[in-house]
Amino acid sequence: MSLMRIDRFISERSEYTRNEIKNLVSRKLITADGIVIKKSDMKVNPDTVKVIVNGNEIRNQKYRYIILNKPDGYISSTSENDGISVMRLLPESLRTKDMFPVGRLDKDSLGLLLITNDGELAHRILAPNRHVSKIYIVKLAQSFKSEYINLFKNGLELADGYQCMPAVVSGSELSEKLAFIELHEGKYHQVKRMFSAVGNHVEVLMRISVGGLILPETLGFGEHMELLHKNVESLFSEPDFNLLCSKFSGKFSAKLINNRS
């Protein structure tokens, strides 16, 4: 059994600093398994201990996985140098120092964003050789054309000369201006640049899946849900593009047709 200092346990799972924890200990506001902590260097079992800090329980789970349905107007970053961070959309208990968004969605883009403190998992998702698929639904300025299917399948060349990997694209029966696209790479503004290359313009972009992890349509914009570790591995499965497109309609599609969020 590997023990851990109580101040380290709390700091790794919350926003409290070591100094703040020491102060809370002196004020007798921290308990471990019902016992008031008197020293911040007390050792506990991180796998089983129940820690209460100022009336709130600190979860002992090391890694956490959050799906956020990102609305527009937020940046996919932990810092706020360029705008309001998506972390503001989470409750304080989830805004620990080590939590971060995996990958990015542009400030004006919507949809599935994974937030975690599992750096190894993030690396597996973002590694170029992994080619984890991502599926988006987009609202176009002009109607979707069937000729896009072969153009995207053969790999588009963008305005700057970049040669895209083959991509799958499909129109939607809900609106002639809606389209689905599946990518296995993630260059800067790639979806927007691909449709620009065929003479169209993306007005709204929403990510609906990463690998086999699909955004629930019951999850409203700005809402989040926590994943169990056993469900996280679905990230590395391959989604059925046609099946997902046929089922994904409802309120998200209506939002894209009428407005953003």
Protein backbone atom coordinates (compact mmCIF):
# COMPACT_ATOMS: atom_id res chain seq x y z
CA MET A 1 0.00 0.00 0.00
CA SER A 2 1.48 3.35 -1.11
CA LEU A 3 0.68 6.24 1.23
CA MET A 4 0.52 9.93 0.33
CA ARG A 5 0.76 13.16 2.29
CA ILE A 6 -2.67 14.66 2.92
CA ASP A 7 -1.62 18.08 1.55
CA ARG A 8 -0.41 16.51 -1.69
CA PHE A 9 -3.59 14.42 -1.96
CA ILE A 10 -5.78 17.52 -1.66
CA SER A 11 -3.68 19.79 -3.88
CA GLU A 12 -3.67 17.26 -6.73
CA ARG A 13 -7.45 16.94 -6.63
CA SER A 14 -8.53 20.52 -5.97
CA GLU A 15 -7.58 24.16 -6.45
CA TYR A 16 -6.16 24.45 -2.93
CA THR A 17 -2.46 25.34 -2.62
CA ARG A 18 -0.19 23.75 -0.02
CA ASN A 19 -0.26 26.98 2.02
CA GLU A 20 -4.06 27.13 1.92
CA ILE A 21 -4.23 23.51 3.03
CA LYS A 22 -1.87 24.19 5.92
CA ASN A 23 -4.12 27.06 6.99
CA LEU A 24 -7.22 24.87 6.79
CA VAL A 25 -5.48 22.21 8.89
CA SER A 26 -4.68 24.81 11.57
CA ARG A 27 -8.37 25.76 11.60
CA LYS A 28 -9.38 22.09 11.95
CA LEU A 29 -11.37 22.19 8.69
CA ILE A 30 -9.96 18.99 7.17
CA THR A 31 -10.91 15.45 8.14
CA ALA A 32 -9.73 12.08 6.82
CA ASP A 33 -12.10 9.17 7.43
CA GLY A 34 -13.82 11.27 10.07
CA ILE A 35 -10.64 12.18 11.97
CA VAL A 36 -9.63 15.85 12.21
CA ILE A 37 -6.23 16.37 10.56
CA LYS A 38 -3.68 18.07 12.82
CA LYS A 39 -0.63 18.02 10.50
CA SER A 40 -0.56 18.64 6.75
CA ASP A 41 2.13 15.99 6.24
CA MET A 42 -0.03 13.19 7.65
CA LYS A 43 0.01 10.13 5.38
CA VAL A 44 -3.19 8.61 3.96
CA ASN A 45 -4.13 5.82 1.58
CA PRO A 46 -5.15 7.73 -1.61
CA ASP A 47 -7.20 4.80 -2.90
CA THR A 48 -9.56 4.48 0.04
CA VAL A 49 -9.43 7.64 2.16
CA LYS A 50 -12.46 9.92 2.47
CA VAL A 51 -11.27 13.50 2.83
CA ILE A 52 -13.57 16.39 3.74
CA VAL A 53 -12.26 19.95 3.30
CA ASN A 54 -14.37 22.76 4.71
CA GLY A 55 -17.49 20.63 4.37
CA ASN A 56 -16.80 19.37 0.82
CA GLU A 57 -15.56 15.89 -0.06
CA ILE A 58 -12.37 15.60 -2.11
CA ARG A 59 -12.72 12.67 -4.47
CA ASN A 60 -9.92 10.12 -4.37
CA GLN A 61 -10.16 9.24 -8.07
CA LYS A 62 -6.84 10.22 -9.64
CA TYR A 63 -8.04 10.75 -13.23
CA ARG A 64 -11.27 12.40 -14.28
CA TYR A 65 -12.89 12.57 -17.70
CA ILE A 66 -15.47 15.21 -18.55
CA ILE A 67 -17.48 15.65 -21.76
CA LEU A 68 -18.42 19.27 -22.30
CA ASN A 69 -20.86 20.44 -24.95
CA LYS A 70 -19.00 23.63 -25.75
CA PRO A 71 -21.05 26.70 -26.68
CA ASP A 72 -19.54 29.47 -28.78
CA GLY A 73 -17.72 32.36 -27.15
CA TYR A 74 -15.35 30.22 -25.06
CA ILE A 75 -11.74 29.27 -25.77
CA SER A 76 -10.39 25.72 -25.43
CA SER A 77 -7.65 26.62 -23.00
CA THR A 78 -6.99 26.79 -19.27
CA SER A 79 -5.68 30.34 -19.59
CA GLU A 80 -7.77 33.40 -20.39
CA ASN A 81 -5.25 35.43 -22.39
CA ASP A 82 -7.49 35.31 -25.48
CA GLY A 83 -10.96 35.05 -23.96
CA ILE A 84 -13.09 33.19 -21.44
CA SER A 85 -11.87 29.65 -20.75
CA VAL A 86 -14.19 26.65 -21.15
CA MET A 87 -13.13 25.75 -17.60
CA ARG A 88 -15.53 28.47 -16.39
CA LEU A 89 -18.39 26.21 -17.49
CA LEU A 90 -17.43 23.54 -14.96
CA PRO A 91 -18.24 23.61 -11.24
CA GLU A 92 -15.38 24.63 -8.95
CA SER A 93 -14.89 21.04 -7.79
CA LEU A 94 -13.78 20.11 -11.33
CA ARG A 95 -11.57 23.13 -11.94
CA THR A 96 -8.49 21.57 -10.42
CA LYS A 97 -5.03 22.76 -11.45
CA ASP A 98 -4.30 19.67 -13.52
CA MET A 99 -7.53 19.57 -15.58
CA PHE A 100 -7.25 20.72 -19.21
CA PRO A 101 -9.11 20.49 -22.54
CA VAL A 102 -7.83 17.82 -24.94
CA GLY A 103 -7.22 19.40 -28.33
CA ARG A 104 -9.16 22.47 -29.29
CA LEU A 105 -12.34 23.83 -30.74
CA ASP A 106 -12.26 27.38 -32.10
CA LYS A 107 -13.90 30.10 -30.04
CA ASP A 108 -16.90 30.20 -32.38
CA SER A 109 -17.19 26.40 -32.72
CA LEU A 110 -19.52 24.12 -30.78
CA GLY A 111 -19.73 20.60 -29.51
CA LEU A 112 -17.81 17.79 -27.92
CA LEU A 113 -14.76 18.74 -25.91
CA LEU A 114 -13.01 16.29 -23.59
CA ILE A 115 -11.55 17.73 -20.38
CA THR A 116 -9.28 15.57 -18.24
CA ASN A 117 -6.18 15.42 -16.08
CA ASP A 118 -4.94 12.25 -17.78
CA GLY A 119 -1.95 13.44 -19.79
CA GLU A 120 -1.17 10.00 -21.19
CA LEU A 121 -4.68 9.64 -22.59
CA ALA A 122 -4.49 13.11 -24.13
CA HIS A 123 -1.23 12.18 -25.83
CA ARG A 124 -2.79 9.01 -27.24
CA ILE A 125 -5.67 11.02 -28.69
CA LEU A 126 -3.58 13.83 -30.16
CA ALA A 127 -0.61 11.80 -31.44
CA PRO A 128 -0.45 12.27 -35.26
CA ASN A 129 0.12 8.57 -35.88
CA ARG A 130 -3.08 7.64 -34.04
CA HIS A 131 -5.40 9.36 -36.55
CA VAL A 132 -8.34 9.31 -34.11
CA SER A 133 -11.39 10.22 -36.16
CA LYS A 134 -13.52 13.28 -35.48
CA ILE A 135 -16.98 13.85 -36.93
CA TYR A 136 -18.52 17.30 -37.34
CA ILE A 137 -21.85 18.65 -38.47
CA VAL A 138 -21.65 22.00 -40.25
CA LYS A 139 -24.04 24.63 -41.50
CA LEU A 140 -22.94 25.91 -44.90
CA ALA A 141 -23.59 29.26 -46.54
CA GLN A 142 -24.57 27.49 -49.77
CA SER A 143 -26.22 24.15 -50.45
CA PHE A 144 -24.22 20.94 -50.13
CA LYS A 145 -23.24 19.48 -53.52
CA SER A 146 -22.93 15.76 -54.21
CA GLU A 147 -19.64 16.41 -56.04
CA TYR A 148 -18.07 17.20 -52.66
CA ILE A 149 -18.16 13.50 -51.80
CA ASN A 150 -15.49 12.46 -54.31
CA LEU A 151 -13.48 15.66 -53.91
CA PHE A 152 -13.13 15.08 -50.16
CA LYS A 153 -12.59 11.33 -50.64
CA ASN A 154 -9.64 11.95 -52.97
CA GLY A 155 -7.99 14.42 -50.59
CA LEU A 156 -8.41 18.14 -51.13
CA GLU A 157 -5.59 20.57 -51.70
CA LEU A 158 -6.05 23.69 -49.60
CA ALA A 159 -5.32 27.26 -50.66
CA ASP A 160 -1.87 27.16 -49.02
CA GLY A 161 -0.95 23.96 -50.88
CA TYR A 162 -1.52 21.56 -47.98
CA GLN A 163 -2.71 18.15 -49.18
CA CYS A 164 -5.46 16.81 -46.93
CA MET A 165 -5.89 13.17 -46.07
CA PRO A 166 -9.00 11.55 -47.58
CA ALA A 167 -12.15 12.55 -45.70
CA VAL A 168 -15.74 11.36 -45.69
CA VAL A 169 -18.50 13.90 -46.23
CA SER A 170 -22.26 13.64 -46.54
CA GLY A 171 -25.25 15.91 -46.91
CA SER A 172 -28.17 15.88 -44.50
CA GLU A 173 -31.84 15.21 -45.22
CA LEU A 174 -32.78 17.83 -42.64
CA SER A 175 -31.46 20.77 -44.63
CA GLU A 176 -29.65 21.26 -47.92
CA LYS A 177 -27.18 23.48 -46.08
CA LEU A 178 -26.22 20.93 -43.43
CA ALA A 179 -23.36 18.47 -43.91
CA PHE A 180 -21.43 15.86 -41.93
CA ILE A 181 -17.68 15.42 -42.28
CA GLU A 182 -15.26 12.89 -40.77
CA LEU A 183 -11.54 13.72 -40.47
CA HIS A 184 -8.55 11.69 -39.31
CA GLU A 185 -6.31 14.72 -38.88
CA GLY A 186 -6.70 18.13 -37.29
CA LYS A 187 -4.98 21.04 -38.97
CA TYR A 188 -5.77 24.64 -38.08
CA HIS A 189 -9.31 25.59 -39.20
CA GLN A 190 -9.23 22.51 -41.41
CA VAL A 191 -12.97 21.93 -41.88
CA LYS A 192 -13.55 25.57 -42.76
CA ARG A 193 -10.59 25.60 -45.16
CA MET A 194 -11.74 22.39 -46.86
CA PHE A 195 -15.20 23.75 -47.64
CA SER A 196 -13.61 27.02 -48.73
CA ALA A 197 -11.51 25.00 -51.20
CA VAL A 198 -14.68 23.79 -52.91
CA GLY A 199 -16.23 27.26 -53.03
CA ASN A 200 -18.44 27.11 -49.95
CA HIS A 201 -18.30 28.66 -46.50
CA VAL A 202 -18.86 27.15 -43.03
CA GLU A 203 -21.18 29.35 -40.98
CA VAL A 204 -21.44 27.06 -37.94
CA LEU A 205 -19.30 24.07 -36.98
CA MET A 206 -20.09 21.52 -34.29
CA ARG A 207 -18.07 18.46 -33.31
CA ILE A 208 -20.27 15.48 -32.48
CA SER A 209 -17.76 12.69 -31.94
CA VAL A 210 -14.14 11.91 -31.14
CA GLY A 211 -13.39 8.31 -32.01
CA GLY A 212 -16.29 6.24 -30.74
CA LEU A 213 -17.16 8.82 -28.08
CA ILE A 214 -20.39 10.47 -29.23
CA LEU A 215 -21.90 13.67 -27.87
CA PRO A 216 -25.26 12.85 -26.23
CA GLU A 217 -28.10 14.90 -27.70
CA THR A 218 -29.51 15.18 -24.19
CA LEU A 219 -26.48 17.27 -23.19
CA GLY A 220 -27.32 20.93 -23.72
CA PHE A 221 -24.86 23.63 -24.77
CA GLY A 222 -22.66 24.56 -21.83
CA GLU A 223 -23.54 21.35 -19.96
CA HIS A 224 -21.12 18.60 -18.98
CA MET A 225 -21.11 14.98 -17.84
CA GLU A 226 -18.47 12.80 -16.24
CA LEU A 227 -17.30 9.60 -17.90
CA LEU A 228 -16.30 6.39 -16.18
CA HIS A 229 -12.82 5.17 -17.08
CA LYS A 230 -14.27 2.06 -18.74
CA ASN A 231 -16.16 4.30 -21.18
CA VAL A 232 -13.10 6.34 -22.08
CA GLU A 233 -11.61 3.54 -24.18
CA SER A 234 -14.43 4.08 -26.69
CA LEU A 235 -12.32 7.04 -27.87
CA PHE A 236 -10.12 4.59 -29.71
CA SER A 237 -12.88 2.71 -31.52
CA GLU A 238 -13.99 3.60 -35.03
CA PRO A 239 -17.49 5.10 -35.33
CA ASP A 240 -19.93 4.09 -38.05
CA PHE A 241 -20.13 7.35 -39.98
CA ASN A 242 -23.32 6.60 -41.92
CA LEU A 243 -25.12 5.22 -38.87
CA LEU A 244 -24.15 8.20 -36.74
CA CYS A 245 -25.27 10.66 -39.39
CA SER A 246 -28.62 8.92 -39.81
CA LYS A 247 -29.31 9.01 -36.07
CA PHE A 248 -27.89 12.42 -35.28
CA SER A 249 -30.70 14.85 -35.93
CA GLY A 250 -32.98 16.27 -33.30
CA LYS A 251 -32.31 19.43 -31.38
CA PHE A 252 -28.64 19.95 -32.28
CA SER A 253 -29.39 19.99 -35.98
CA ALA A 254 -32.25 22.38 -35.37
CA LYS A 255 -29.94 24.66 -33.40
CA LEU A 256 -27.47 24.74 -36.26
CA ILE A 257 -30.19 25.51 -38.80
CA ASN A 258 -31.74 28.33 -36.79
CA ASN A 259 -28.95 29.74 -34.63
CA ARG A 260 -25.85 28.76 -32.73
CA SER A 261 -26.51 28.14 -29.06
